[in-house]
Amino acid sequence: MKKRNCMEPIKYSVLDLVPIAAGDDTSQAIDKSLDLARHVEKLGYERFWVSEHHNTPSLASSATVIILSHLLQGTEHIRIGSGGIMLPNHAPLVVAEQFGTLAALYPDRIDLGLGRAPGTDQATAHALRRGIQESVQDFPKEVLELQQFLSEGNWNSLVRALPGEGANIPIYLLGSSTFSAELAAKLGLPYAFASHFAPTHLYHALEKYHTLFKPSNALVTPYPMACVNVIAADTDQEAQYLATSFYQFAMGIITNVRKPLPPPVKSMAGIWSLEQEMIIKNMMHYTFIGSIETIREQLAEFVEKTKIKELIITTNIFEHEARKKSYTLAAKVLEDLVLV
C-alpha cells in the first residue's frame, strides 16, 4: 500500500484479555500471552496492554499487575501496561505503589491505563470494594489523587507512594462514553475509546476529546486512540471460520454464560438466534475480519475517519499460532498506514 502524504506513521498496539481457550488452564493462557507479547514485540507493535476482569472463567487477567510483571520480565523493549486498571476497585495509593514498583524494575516501559467500570458483575464488584459505594464523581477525584501520589511534588505529604513518587508513569484514560473523554481532555491526558465492544459513542467521544482538550505537563496536543477487533488470515473464508470462536465468546457476554474460548465451527447456525446475531454484530461493529487485502482498506478507512494517532487491536482466536499470524498480517497492513 502506497503511503499518503502526512506527518507520521500511525502507531499500533495490542489489547490482550488473556483468554483461556477450551482445554487450557490459567497457566497455559498466561504462557500464550507471554509468547504473543514476544511475537508482537518483534513485529513493531508499540505497546501490549492487559485488561482487568474478575469472576470470568474465560479470562485470566484478574491479577493484572502480576501478569504485567510477568510480561515485562519476558520481553525486552515493548511497552507493557494496563488497558486498564479499573480504578474503583483499588485504592489510588496501592495503584501508585504497584506501578511505581514496576517502573523501578522496568524504567520507561510502563503504561497506566485507567477505567471507571468495575470490569465484572455487581456482586463481584461489591466483594472487591468491600461495601464502598462509588459514584460517577469519585473517578475524577481518584485520578487526581493517583496523579498526586505519582508526582514529585508529593514529597512533603503525610501519605507518600514509595516507590511511585516521581516515577513519571504515563497515564491514559479509557472509556466507552463521553465521560472519560471529557475528563481526559480536561486533564490533558491521552484517551483510548473501547470501540471493540461499545461502538455507539465513538465519534461523539473523540469530538468531545478534541474540542475540550487542554494542554498539560503530560501532553501538549490530543492523543486519541481506539481499540478494534481484528481477525486476519490468508483468506476471507478462513478468517470467517476463525471468527466463530470470537462470536461464541461474545455470546457469553450477552447471555452472561461465560465459558473458555471455544474452538471454531463451520457455521453459527443453531448456536445463536437471529436476534443474538444482530446484537453481537452491532456490539462488535468495529470488527475487521478477512485476508490482508480485505482488512487493509477497512483499517485504513477507520484510521482516516477517526483521526486517531494509535490503533489498538484485540484478537480472540482459539488456535494460538493462528492468533499470532493474525497479528502478523495486521502489522503488515498497519506499518503502511499513516496519519493524514
C-alpha atoms as a PDB file:
ATOM      1  CA  MET A   1       0.000   0.000   0.000  1.00  0.00           C
ATOM      2  CA  LYS A   2       1.400   3.357  -1.024  1.00  0.00           C
ATOM      3  CA  LYS A   3       1.839   5.822   1.819  1.00  0.00           C
ATOM      4  CA  ARG A   4      -0.121   9.037   1.710  1.00  0.00           C
ATOM      5  CA  ASN A   5       1.434  12.421   2.348  1.00  0.00           C
ATOM      6  CA  CYS A   6       1.402  13.022   6.080  1.00  0.00           C
ATOM      7  CA  MET A   7       3.496  13.854   9.095  1.00  0.00           C
ATOM      8  CA  GLU A   8       3.968  10.487  10.800  1.00  0.00           C
ATOM      9  CA  PRO A   9       3.003   6.798  10.673  1.00  0.00           C
ATOM     10  CA  ILE A  10       0.241   5.588  12.924  1.00  0.00           C
ATOM     11  CA  LYS A  11       1.242   3.606  15.996  1.00  0.00           C
ATOM     12  CA  TYR A  12      -0.364   0.243  16.645  1.00  0.00           C
ATOM     13  CA  SER A  13      -0.685  -1.757  19.847  1.00  0.00           C
ATOM     14  CA  VAL A  14      -2.272  -4.835  21.419  1.00  0.00           C
ATOM     15  CA  LEU A  15      -5.008  -5.266  23.989  1.00  0.00           C
ATOM     16  CA  ASP A  16      -4.833  -8.750  25.478  1.00  0.00           C
ATOM     17  CA  LEU A  17      -7.672 -10.185  27.554  1.00  0.00           C
ATOM     18  CA  VAL A  18      -5.518 -13.224  28.437  1.00  0.00           C
ATOM     19  CA  PRO A  19      -8.229 -15.555  27.116  1.00  0.00           C
ATOM     20  CA  ILE A  20      -8.423 -19.119  28.367  1.00  0.00           C
ATOM     21  CA  ALA A  21      -9.051 -21.429  25.422  1.00  0.00           C
ATOM     22  CA  ALA A  22     -11.131 -24.557  25.922  1.00  0.00           C
ATOM     23  CA  GLY A  23      -8.837 -27.326  27.144  1.00  0.00           C
ATOM     24  CA  ASP A  24      -6.284 -24.905  28.606  1.00  0.00           C
ATOM     25  CA  ASP A  25      -5.759 -23.855  32.203  1.00  0.00           C
ATOM     26  CA  THR A  26      -4.744 -20.477  33.607  1.00  0.00           C
ATOM     27  CA  SER A  27      -1.035 -21.255  33.380  1.00  0.00           C
ATOM     28  CA  GLN A  28      -1.294 -22.114  29.691  1.00  0.00           C
ATOM     29  CA  ALA A  29      -3.305 -18.952  28.983  1.00  0.00           C
ATOM     30  CA  ILE A  30      -0.634 -16.806  30.623  1.00  0.00           C
ATOM     31  CA  ASP A  31       2.141 -18.647  28.774  1.00  0.00           C
ATOM     32  CA  LYS A  32       0.381 -17.920  25.489  1.00  0.00           C
ATOM     33  CA  SER A  33       0.038 -14.238  26.365  1.00  0.00           C
ATOM     34  CA  LEU A  34       3.748 -14.013  27.041  1.00  0.00           C
ATOM     35  CA  ASP A  35       4.513 -15.764  23.765  1.00  0.00           C
ATOM     36  CA  LEU A  36       2.188 -13.333  21.988  1.00  0.00           C
ATOM     37  CA  ALA A  37       3.884 -10.335  23.636  1.00  0.00           C
ATOM     38  CA  ARG A  38       7.272 -11.575  22.436  1.00  0.00           C
ATOM     39  CA  HIS A  39       5.835 -12.105  18.971  1.00  0.00           C
ATOM     40  CA  VAL A  40       4.306  -8.643  18.559  1.00  0.00           C
ATOM     41  CA  GLU A  41       7.418  -7.035  20.042  1.00  0.00           C
ATOM     42  CA  LYS A  42       9.340  -8.332  17.037  1.00  0.00           C
ATOM     43  CA  LEU A  43       6.636  -7.036  14.685  1.00  0.00           C
ATOM     44  CA  GLY A  44       6.940  -3.423  15.802  1.00  0.00           C
ATOM     45  CA  TYR A  45       3.848  -3.054  17.971  1.00  0.00           C
ATOM     46  CA  GLU A  46       4.146  -0.042  20.266  1.00  0.00           C
ATOM     47  CA  ARG A  47       2.651  -1.439  23.467  1.00  0.00           C
ATOM     48  CA  PHE A  48       0.974  -4.511  24.932  1.00  0.00           C
ATOM     49  CA  TRP A  49      -1.919  -3.841  27.285  1.00  0.00           C
ATOM     50  CA  VAL A  50      -3.747  -6.256  29.565  1.00  0.00           C
ATOM     51  CA  SER A  51      -7.296  -5.625  30.766  1.00  0.00           C
ATOM     52  CA  GLU A  52      -8.616  -6.198  34.284  1.00  0.00           C
ATOM     53  CA  HIS A  53     -11.582  -8.572  34.539  1.00  0.00           C
ATOM     54  CA  HIS A  54     -12.931 -10.511  37.514  1.00  0.00           C
ATOM     55  CA  ASN A  55     -15.107 -13.589  38.036  1.00  0.00           C
ATOM     56  CA  THR A  56     -14.781 -14.526  34.364  1.00  0.00           C
ATOM     57  CA  PRO A  57     -13.933 -18.190  33.639  1.00  0.00           C
ATOM     58  CA  SER A  58     -12.863 -17.301  30.102  1.00  0.00           C
ATOM     59  CA  LEU A  59     -10.189 -14.763  31.122  1.00  0.00           C
ATOM     60  CA  ALA A  60      -7.052 -14.981  33.280  1.00  0.00           C
ATOM     61  CA  SER A  61      -6.362 -11.269  33.800  1.00  0.00           C
ATOM     62  CA  SER A  62      -7.850 -10.595  37.248  1.00  0.00           C
ATOM     63  CA  ALA A  63      -4.465 -10.060  38.971  1.00  0.00           C
ATOM     64  CA  THR A  64      -3.445  -7.627  36.260  1.00  0.00           C
ATOM     65  CA  VAL A  65      -0.301  -6.213  37.858  1.00  0.00           C
ATOM     66  CA  ILE A  66       1.152  -9.694  38.362  1.00  0.00           C
ATOM     67  CA  ILE A  67       0.501 -10.507  34.693  1.00  0.00           C
ATOM     68  CA  LEU A  68       2.196  -7.258  33.659  1.00  0.00           C
ATOM     69  CA  SER A  69       5.264  -8.073  35.745  1.00  0.00           C
ATOM     70  CA  HIS A  70       5.492 -11.500  34.118  1.00  0.00           C
ATOM     71  CA  LEU A  71       5.238  -9.984  30.628  1.00  0.00           C
ATOM     72  CA  LEU A  72       7.843  -7.331  31.395  1.00  0.00           C
ATOM     73  CA  GLN A  73      10.278  -9.939  32.625  1.00  0.00           C
ATOM     74  CA  GLY A  74       9.818 -11.987  29.459  1.00  0.00           C
ATOM     75  CA  THR A  75      10.128  -9.180  26.897  1.00  0.00           C
ATOM     76  CA  GLU A  76      12.850  -6.684  26.064  1.00  0.00           C
ATOM     77  CA  HIS A  77      11.590  -3.285  24.935  1.00  0.00           C
ATOM     78  CA  ILE A  78       7.871  -3.233  24.106  1.00  0.00           C
ATOM     79  CA  ARG A  79       5.834  -1.029  26.445  1.00  0.00           C
ATOM     80  CA  ILE A  80       3.636  -3.014  28.819  1.00  0.00           C
ATOM     81  CA  GLY A  81       0.616  -1.624  30.602  1.00  0.00           C
ATOM     82  CA  SER A  82      -2.937  -1.864  31.815  1.00  0.00           C
ATOM     83  CA  GLY A  83      -5.817  -1.465  29.477  1.00  0.00           C
ATOM     84  CA  GLY A  84      -6.939  -0.873  32.027  1.00  0.00           C
ATOM     85  CA  ILE A  85      -6.778  -0.926  35.762  1.00  0.00           C
ATOM     86  CA  MET A  86     -10.368  -0.455  36.953  1.00  0.00           C
ATOM     87  CA  LEU A  87      -9.643   2.304  39.437  1.00  0.00           C
ATOM     88  CA  PRO A  88     -12.845   1.971  41.505  1.00  0.00           C
ATOM     89  CA  ASN A  89     -11.628  -1.496  42.554  1.00  0.00           C
ATOM     90  CA  HIS A  90      -8.394  -0.177  44.073  1.00  0.00           C
ATOM     91  CA  ALA A  91      -7.106   2.482  46.418  1.00  0.00           C
ATOM     92  CA  PRO A  92      -5.128   5.046  44.366  1.00  0.00           C
ATOM     93  CA  LEU A  93      -2.207   4.688  46.790  1.00  0.00           C
ATOM     94  CA  VAL A  94      -1.963   0.955  46.119  1.00  0.00           C
ATOM     95  CA  VAL A  95      -2.035   1.517  42.348  1.00  0.00           C
ATOM     96  CA  ALA A  96       0.703   4.151  42.661  1.00  0.00           C
ATOM     97  CA  GLU A  97       2.884   1.803  44.725  1.00  0.00           C
ATOM     98  CA  GLN A  98       2.353  -1.170  42.411  1.00  0.00           C
ATOM     99  CA  PHE A  99       3.071   0.707  39.201  1.00  0.00           C
ATOM    100  CA  GLY A 100       5.867   2.634  40.873  1.00  0.00           C
ATOM    101  CA  THR A 101       7.492  -0.690  41.678  1.00  0.00           C
ATOM    102  CA  LEU A 102       7.080  -1.869  38.073  1.00  0.00           C
ATOM    103  CA  ALA A 103       8.595   1.416  36.852  1.00  0.00           C
ATOM    104  CA  ALA A 104      11.576   0.949  39.165  1.00  0.00           C
ATOM    105  CA  LEU A 105      12.141  -2.562  37.825  1.00  0.00           C
ATOM    106  CA  TYR A 106      11.492  -1.708  34.170  1.00  0.00           C
ATOM    107  CA  PRO A 107      12.179   2.009  33.550  1.00  0.00           C
ATOM    108  CA  ASP A 108      10.411   3.755  30.656  1.00  0.00           C
ATOM    109  CA  ARG A 109       8.347   0.702  29.739  1.00  0.00           C
ATOM    110  CA  ILE A 110       5.230   1.115  31.893  1.00  0.00           C
ATOM    111  CA  ASP A 111       1.825   2.494  30.869  1.00  0.00           C
ATOM    112  CA  LEU A 112      -1.035   3.022  33.309  1.00  0.00           C
ATOM    113  CA  GLY A 113      -4.418   2.896  31.593  1.00  0.00           C
ATOM    114  CA  LEU A 114      -7.381   3.608  33.870  1.00  0.00           C
ATOM    115  CA  GLY A 115     -11.058   2.739  33.574  1.00  0.00           C
ATOM    116  CA  ARG A 116     -14.020   3.631  35.782  1.00  0.00           C
ATOM    117  CA  ALA A 117     -16.071   0.436  35.342  1.00  0.00           C
ATOM    118  CA  PRO A 118     -15.582  -2.489  37.746  1.00  0.00           C
ATOM    119  CA  GLY A 119     -14.802  -4.985  34.979  1.00  0.00           C
ATOM    120  CA  THR A 120     -17.188  -7.505  36.463  1.00  0.00           C
ATOM    121  CA  ASP A 121     -20.701  -8.089  37.780  1.00  0.00           C
ATOM    122  CA  GLN A 122     -22.239  -6.151  40.663  1.00  0.00           C
ATOM    123  CA  ALA A 123     -21.827  -8.901  43.260  1.00  0.00           C
ATOM    124  CA  THR A 124     -18.123  -9.278  42.469  1.00  0.00           C
ATOM    125  CA  ALA A 125     -17.670  -5.522  42.404  1.00  0.00           C
ATOM    126  CA  HIS A 126     -19.150  -5.395  45.892  1.00  0.00           C
ATOM    127  CA  ALA A 127     -16.718  -8.098  47.055  1.00  0.00           C
ATOM    128  CA  LEU A 128     -13.778  -6.201  45.558  1.00  0.00           C
ATOM    129  CA  ARG A 129     -14.767  -2.888  47.090  1.00  0.00           C
ATOM    130  CA  ARG A 130     -15.847  -4.345  50.463  1.00  0.00           C
ATOM    131  CA  GLY A 131     -19.020  -2.307  50.571  1.00  0.00           C
ATOM    132  CA  ILE A 132     -17.538   1.027  49.448  1.00  0.00           C
ATOM    133  CA  GLN A 133     -20.121   2.843  47.337  1.00  0.00           C
ATOM    134  CA  GLU A 134     -18.740   4.588  44.259  1.00  0.00           C
ATOM    135  CA  SER A 135     -20.400   7.458  42.400  1.00  0.00           C
ATOM    136  CA  VAL A 136     -19.649   8.890  38.959  1.00  0.00           C
ATOM    137  CA  GLN A 137     -17.821  11.795  40.550  1.00  0.00           C
ATOM    138  CA  ASP A 138     -15.458   9.558  42.531  1.00  0.00           C
ATOM    139  CA  PHE A 139     -13.460   8.549  39.451  1.00  0.00           C
ATOM    140  CA  PRO A 140     -12.149  12.055  38.615  1.00  0.00           C
ATOM    141  CA  LYS A 141     -11.160  12.565  42.260  1.00  0.00           C
ATOM    142  CA  GLU A 142      -9.362   9.233  42.349  1.00  0.00           C
ATOM    143  CA  VAL A 143      -7.487  10.001  39.119  1.00  0.00           C
ATOM    144  CA  LEU A 144      -6.307  13.302  40.621  1.00  0.00           C
ATOM    145  CA  GLU A 145      -5.324  11.535  43.839  1.00  0.00           C
ATOM    146  CA  LEU A 146      -3.333   8.959  41.867  1.00  0.00           C
ATOM    147  CA  GLN A 147      -1.605  11.705  39.878  1.00  0.00           C
ATOM    148  CA  GLN A 148      -0.664  13.408  43.138  1.00  0.00           C
ATOM    149  CA  PHE A 149       0.845  10.231  44.581  1.00  0.00           C
ATOM    150  CA  LEU A 150       2.938   9.749  41.420  1.00  0.00           C
ATOM    151  CA  SER A 151       4.139  13.358  41.287  1.00  0.00           C
ATOM    152  CA  GLU A 152       7.489  14.673  42.521  1.00  0.00           C
ATOM    153  CA  GLY A 153       5.599  17.378  44.406  1.00  0.00           C
ATOM    154  CA  ASN A 154       4.114  14.875  46.827  1.00  0.00           C
ATOM    155  CA  TRP A 155       7.389  14.507  48.755  1.00  0.00           C
ATOM    156  CA  ASN A 156       6.229  16.547  51.742  1.00  0.00           C
ATOM    157  CA  SER A 157       2.765  14.996  52.045  1.00  0.00           C
ATOM    158  CA  LEU A 158       1.703  12.945  55.053  1.00  0.00           C
ATOM    159  CA  VAL A 159       0.991   9.944  52.795  1.00  0.00           C
ATOM    160  CA  ARG A 160       3.517   9.102  50.079  1.00  0.00           C
ATOM    161  CA  ALA A 161       3.726   6.388  47.404  1.00  0.00           C
ATOM    162  CA  LEU A 162       7.140   4.825  47.887  1.00  0.00           C
ATOM    163  CA  PRO A 163       8.034   3.576  45.337  1.00  0.00           C
ATOM    164  CA  GLY A 164       5.926   5.518  42.870  1.00  0.00           C
ATOM    165  CA  GLU A 165       6.555   9.123  43.772  1.00  0.00           C
ATOM    166  CA  GLY A 166       8.150  10.959  40.845  1.00  0.00           C
ATOM    167  CA  ALA A 167       8.022   7.840  38.683  1.00  0.00           C
ATOM    168  CA  ASN A 168       6.699   9.777  35.666  1.00  0.00           C
ATOM    169  CA  ILE A 169       4.415   6.946  34.562  1.00  0.00           C
ATOM    170  CA  PRO A 170       2.212   7.867  31.582  1.00  0.00           C
ATOM    171  CA  ILE A 171      -1.487   7.773  32.478  1.00  0.00           C
ATOM    172  CA  TYR A 172      -4.159   7.017  29.892  1.00  0.00           C
ATOM    173  CA  LEU A 173      -7.910   7.290  30.421  1.00  0.00           C
ATOM    174  CA  LEU A 174     -10.060   4.605  28.843  1.00  0.00           C
ATOM    175  CA  GLY A 175     -13.749   4.785  28.145  1.00  0.00           C
ATOM    176  CA  SER A 176     -16.789   3.776  26.115  1.00  0.00           C
ATOM    177  CA  SER A 177     -18.755   7.000  26.536  1.00  0.00           C
ATOM    178  CA  THR A 178     -18.134  10.747  26.561  1.00  0.00           C
ATOM    179  CA  PHE A 179     -17.496  10.882  30.329  1.00  0.00           C
ATOM    180  CA  SER A 180     -13.852   9.775  30.306  1.00  0.00           C
ATOM    181  CA  ALA A 181     -13.278  11.599  27.011  1.00  0.00           C
ATOM    182  CA  GLU A 182     -14.216  14.889  28.660  1.00  0.00           C
ATOM    183  CA  LEU A 183     -12.150  14.099  31.751  1.00  0.00           C
ATOM    184  CA  ALA A 184      -9.093  13.145  29.663  1.00  0.00           C
ATOM    185  CA  ALA A 185      -9.468  16.409  27.730  1.00  0.00           C
ATOM    186  CA  LYS A 186      -9.781  18.451  30.923  1.00  0.00           C
ATOM    187  CA  LEU A 187      -6.689  16.823  32.462  1.00  0.00           C
ATOM    188  CA  GLY A 188      -4.665  16.836  29.242  1.00  0.00           C
ATOM    189  CA  LEU A 189      -4.217  13.057  29.123  1.00  0.00           C
ATOM    190  CA  PRO A 190      -4.226  10.503  26.281  1.00  0.00           C
ATOM    191  CA  TYR A 191      -7.624   8.916  25.684  1.00  0.00           C
ATOM    192  CA  ALA A 192      -8.483   5.432  24.389  1.00  0.00           C
ATOM    193  CA  PHE A 193     -12.003   4.514  23.290  1.00  0.00           C
ATOM    194  CA  ALA A 194     -13.276   0.938  23.686  1.00  0.00           C
ATOM    195  CA  SER A 195     -14.851   0.705  20.238  1.00  0.00           C
ATOM    196  CA  HIS A 196     -14.128  -3.034  20.129  1.00  0.00           C
ATOM    197  CA  PHE A 197     -17.272  -3.670  22.189  1.00  0.00           C
ATOM    198  CA  ALA A 198     -19.010  -0.281  22.549  1.00  0.00           C
ATOM    199  CA  PRO A 199     -19.170   1.422  19.140  1.00  0.00           C
ATOM    200  CA  THR A 200     -22.112   3.767  19.719  1.00  0.00           C
ATOM    201  CA  HIS A 201     -20.391   6.861  21.103  1.00  0.00           C
ATOM    202  CA  LEU A 202     -17.023   6.564  19.331  1.00  0.00           C
ATOM    203  CA  TYR A 203     -17.174   9.682  17.157  1.00  0.00           C
ATOM    204  CA  HIS A 204     -19.006  11.793  19.724  1.00  0.00           C
ATOM    205  CA  ALA A 205     -16.419  10.930  22.377  1.00  0.00           C
ATOM    206  CA  LEU A 206     -13.485  11.688  20.071  1.00  0.00           C
ATOM    207  CA  GLU A 207     -15.085  15.000  19.096  1.00  0.00           C
ATOM    208  CA  LYS A 208     -15.525  15.944  22.763  1.00  0.00           C
ATOM    209  CA  TYR A 209     -11.941  14.981  23.479  1.00  0.00           C
ATOM    210  CA  HIS A 210     -10.537  17.163  20.694  1.00  0.00           C
ATOM    211  CA  THR A 211     -12.846  20.101  21.377  1.00  0.00           C
ATOM    212  CA  LEU A 212     -12.318  20.276  25.131  1.00  0.00           C
ATOM    213  CA  PHE A 213      -8.627  19.318  25.264  1.00  0.00           C
ATOM    214  CA  LYS A 214      -6.381  21.437  27.465  1.00  0.00           C
ATOM    215  CA  PRO A 215      -2.580  21.080  27.226  1.00  0.00           C
ATOM    216  CA  SER A 216      -0.844  19.729  30.317  1.00  0.00           C
ATOM    217  CA  ASN A 217       2.598  18.737  31.519  1.00  0.00           C
ATOM    218  CA  ALA A 218       1.789  15.248  30.271  1.00  0.00           C
ATOM    219  CA  LEU A 219       0.541  16.161  26.813  1.00  0.00           C
ATOM    220  CA  VAL A 220       0.646  19.269  24.612  1.00  0.00           C
ATOM    221  CA  THR A 221      -1.793  18.103  21.922  1.00  0.00           C
ATOM    222  CA  PRO A 222      -4.584  15.478  21.969  1.00  0.00           C
ATOM    223  CA  TYR A 223      -3.587  11.841  21.683  1.00  0.00           C
ATOM    224  CA  PRO A 224      -6.701   9.837  20.710  1.00  0.00           C
ATOM    225  CA  MET A 225      -6.628   6.045  20.485  1.00  0.00           C
ATOM    226  CA  ALA A 226      -9.264   3.438  19.661  1.00  0.00           C
ATOM    227  CA  CYS A 227      -9.483  -0.327  20.047  1.00  0.00           C
ATOM    228  CA  VAL A 228     -10.924  -2.655  17.393  1.00  0.00           C
ATOM    229  CA  ASN A 229     -11.252  -6.392  16.861  1.00  0.00           C
ATOM    230  CA  VAL A 230      -9.159  -7.859  14.058  1.00  0.00           C
ATOM    231  CA  ILE A 231      -9.236 -11.447  12.826  1.00  0.00           C
ATOM    232  CA  ALA A 232      -6.954 -11.892   9.835  1.00  0.00           C
ATOM    233  CA  ALA A 233      -5.982 -14.995   7.888  1.00  0.00           C
ATOM    234  CA  ASP A 234      -4.712 -15.988   4.454  1.00  0.00           C
ATOM    235  CA  THR A 235      -8.226 -15.968   3.002  1.00  0.00           C
ATOM    236  CA  ASP A 236     -11.539 -14.331   3.853  1.00  0.00           C
ATOM    237  CA  GLN A 237     -13.102 -17.767   4.240  1.00  0.00           C
ATOM    238  CA  GLU A 238     -10.513 -18.902   6.776  1.00  0.00           C
ATOM    239  CA  ALA A 239     -10.834 -15.657   8.751  1.00  0.00           C
ATOM    240  CA  GLN A 240     -14.615 -16.011   8.878  1.00  0.00           C
ATOM    241  CA  TYR A 241     -14.183 -19.559  10.153  1.00  0.00           C
ATOM    242  CA  LEU A 242     -11.749 -18.435  12.878  1.00  0.00           C
ATOM    243  CA  ALA A 243     -14.153 -15.646  13.850  1.00  0.00           C
ATOM    244  CA  THR A 244     -16.771 -18.135  15.014  1.00  0.00           C
ATOM    245  CA  SER A 245     -14.761 -18.622  18.212  1.00  0.00           C
ATOM    246  CA  PHE A 246     -15.000 -14.879  18.793  1.00  0.00           C
ATOM    247  CA  TYR A 247     -18.742 -14.909  18.111  1.00  0.00           C
ATOM    248  CA  GLN A 248     -19.258 -17.712  20.608  1.00  0.00           C
ATOM    249  CA  PHE A 249     -17.130 -15.794  23.117  1.00  0.00           C
ATOM    250  CA  ALA A 250     -19.349 -12.741  22.576  1.00  0.00           C
ATOM    251  CA  MET A 251     -22.410 -14.914  23.187  1.00  0.00           C
ATOM    252  CA  GLY A 252     -21.167 -15.334  26.731  1.00  0.00           C
ATOM    253  CA  ILE A 253     -21.223 -11.569  27.202  1.00  0.00           C
ATOM    254  CA  ILE A 254     -24.848 -11.074  26.160  1.00  0.00           C
ATOM    255  CA  THR A 255     -26.146 -14.244  27.855  1.00  0.00           C
ATOM    256  CA  ASN A 256     -23.917 -13.944  30.948  1.00  0.00           C
ATOM    257  CA  VAL A 257     -22.832 -17.559  30.477  1.00  0.00           C
ATOM    258  CA  ARG A 258     -19.054 -17.241  30.400  1.00  0.00           C
ATOM    259  CA  LYS A 259     -17.050 -20.223  29.175  1.00  0.00           C
ATOM    260  CA  PRO A 260     -13.479 -20.697  27.937  1.00  0.00           C
ATOM    261  CA  LEU A 261     -12.824 -19.571  24.363  1.00  0.00           C
ATOM    262  CA  PRO A 262     -14.292 -22.372  22.203  1.00  0.00           C
ATOM    263  CA  PRO A 263     -12.879 -23.850  19.002  1.00  0.00           C
ATOM    264  CA  PRO A 264     -14.268 -22.516  15.698  1.00  0.00           C
ATOM    265  CA  VAL A 265     -17.258 -24.107  13.999  1.00  0.00           C
ATOM    266  CA  LYS A 266     -18.290 -24.373  10.349  1.00  0.00           C
ATOM    267  CA  SER A 267     -21.451 -22.383  10.976  1.00  0.00           C
ATOM    268  CA  MET A 268     -23.057 -20.374  13.773  1.00  0.00           C
ATOM    269  CA  ALA A 269     -26.474 -21.607  12.656  1.00  0.00           C
ATOM    270  CA  GLY A 270     -28.206 -23.186  15.617  1.00  0.00           C
ATOM    271  CA  ILE A 271     -25.751 -21.608  18.062  1.00  0.00           C
ATOM    272  CA  TRP A 272     -27.158 -18.106  18.021  1.00  0.00           C
ATOM    273  CA  SER A 273     -30.579 -16.778  17.207  1.00  0.00           C
ATOM    274  CA  LEU A 274     -31.154 -14.068  14.622  1.00  0.00           C
ATOM    275  CA  GLU A 275     -31.685 -11.579  17.453  1.00  0.00           C
ATOM    276  CA  GLN A 276     -28.464 -12.619  19.195  1.00  0.00           C
ATOM    277  CA  GLU A 277     -26.551 -12.363  15.923  1.00  0.00           C
ATOM    278  CA  MET A 278     -27.814  -8.821  15.408  1.00  0.00           C
ATOM    279  CA  ILE A 279     -26.944  -7.802  18.979  1.00  0.00           C
ATOM    280  CA  ILE A 280     -23.413  -9.218  18.739  1.00  0.00           C
ATOM    281  CA  LYS A 281     -22.683  -7.760  15.321  1.00  0.00           C
ATOM    282  CA  ASN A 282     -23.949  -4.356  16.452  1.00  0.00           C
ATOM    283  CA  MET A 283     -21.910  -4.529  19.662  1.00  0.00           C
ATOM    284  CA  MET A 284     -18.838  -5.707  17.743  1.00  0.00           C
ATOM    285  CA  HIS A 285     -19.395  -3.285  14.866  1.00  0.00           C
ATOM    286  CA  TYR A 286     -15.720  -2.372  14.656  1.00  0.00           C
ATOM    287  CA  THR A 287     -14.575  -5.901  13.932  1.00  0.00           C
ATOM    288  CA  PHE A 288     -12.418  -6.414  10.847  1.00  0.00           C
ATOM    289  CA  ILE A 289     -12.338  -9.956   9.513  1.00  0.00           C
ATOM    290  CA  GLY A 290     -10.634 -11.235   6.397  1.00  0.00           C
ATOM    291  CA  SER A 291      -7.495 -11.581   4.348  1.00  0.00           C
ATOM    292  CA  ILE A 292      -4.782  -8.950   4.354  1.00  0.00           C
ATOM    293  CA  GLU A 293      -6.349  -7.383   1.260  1.00  0.00           C
ATOM    294  CA  THR A 294      -9.753  -7.182   2.929  1.00  0.00           C
ATOM    295  CA  ILE A 295      -8.661  -5.678   6.229  1.00  0.00           C
ATOM    296  CA  ARG A 296      -6.232  -3.237   4.555  1.00  0.00           C
ATOM    297  CA  GLU A 297      -8.937  -0.936   3.214  1.00  0.00           C
ATOM    298  CA  GLN A 298     -11.149  -1.394   6.281  1.00  0.00           C
ATOM    299  CA  LEU A 299      -8.447  -0.369   8.740  1.00  0.00           C
ATOM    300  CA  ALA A 300      -7.261   2.484   6.518  1.00  0.00           C
ATOM    301  CA  GLU A 301     -10.803   3.854   6.380  1.00  0.00           C
ATOM    302  CA  PHE A 302     -11.233   3.539  10.150  1.00  0.00           C
ATOM    303  CA  VAL A 303      -7.976   5.373  10.874  1.00  0.00           C
ATOM    304  CA  GLU A 304      -8.770   8.108   8.368  1.00  0.00           C
ATOM    305  CA  LYS A 305     -12.298   8.688   9.677  1.00  0.00           C
ATOM    306  CA  THR A 306     -11.425   8.677  13.364  1.00  0.00           C
ATOM    307  CA  LYS A 307      -8.159  10.646  13.073  1.00  0.00           C
ATOM    308  CA  ILE A 308      -6.702   8.516  15.848  1.00  0.00           C
ATOM    309  CA  LYS A 309      -2.970   8.515  16.494  1.00  0.00           C
ATOM    310  CA  GLU A 310      -2.816   4.932  17.688  1.00  0.00           C
ATOM    311  CA  LEU A 311      -4.849   1.850  16.816  1.00  0.00           C
ATOM    312  CA  ILE A 312      -5.220  -0.830  19.484  1.00  0.00           C
ATOM    313  CA  ILE A 313      -6.003  -4.330  18.256  1.00  0.00           C
ATOM    314  CA  THR A 314      -7.545  -7.164  20.207  1.00  0.00           C
ATOM    315  CA  THR A 315      -7.822 -10.621  18.670  1.00  0.00           C
ATOM    316  CA  ASN A 316      -9.594 -13.641  20.099  1.00  0.00           C
ATOM    317  CA  ILE A 317      -8.755 -16.736  18.065  1.00  0.00           C
ATOM    318  CA  PHE A 318      -8.845 -20.243  19.507  1.00  0.00           C
ATOM    319  CA  GLU A 319      -5.658 -21.622  17.983  1.00  0.00           C
ATOM    320  CA  HIS A 320      -2.604 -19.805  19.306  1.00  0.00           C
ATOM    321  CA  GLU A 321      -0.490 -19.883  16.145  1.00  0.00           C
ATOM    322  CA  ALA A 322      -3.445 -18.608  14.106  1.00  0.00           C
ATOM    323  CA  ARG A 323      -3.823 -15.766  16.603  1.00  0.00           C
ATOM    324  CA  LYS A 324      -0.148 -14.856  16.227  1.00  0.00           C
ATOM    325  CA  LYS A 325      -0.487 -14.979  12.445  1.00  0.00           C
ATOM    326  CA  SER A 326      -3.434 -12.597  12.614  1.00  0.00           C
ATOM    327  CA  TYR A 327      -1.261 -10.046  14.408  1.00  0.00           C
ATOM    328  CA  THR A 328       1.477 -10.602  11.824  1.00  0.00           C
ATOM    329  CA  LEU A 329      -0.893  -9.866   8.945  1.00  0.00           C
ATOM    330  CA  ALA A 330      -2.338  -6.838  10.754  1.00  0.00           C
ATOM    331  CA  ALA A 331       1.178  -5.453  11.284  1.00  0.00           C
ATOM    332  CA  LYS A 332       1.891  -5.720   7.553  1.00  0.00           C
ATOM    333  CA  VAL A 333      -1.131  -3.505   6.939  1.00  0.00           C
ATOM    334  CA  LEU A 334      -0.543  -1.064   9.757  1.00  0.00           C
ATOM    335  CA  GLU A 335       3.110  -0.408   9.039  1.00  0.00           C
ATOM    336  CA  ASP A 336       1.957   1.226   5.791  1.00  0.00           C
ATOM    337  CA  LEU A 337      -0.785   3.353   7.369  1.00  0.00           C
ATOM    338  CA  VAL A 338      -0.067   6.982   8.099  1.00  0.00           C
ATOM    339  CA  LEU A 339      -1.785   9.905   9.786  1.00  0.00           C
ATOM    340  CA  VAL A 340      -3.498  12.339   7.464  1.00  0.00           C
END
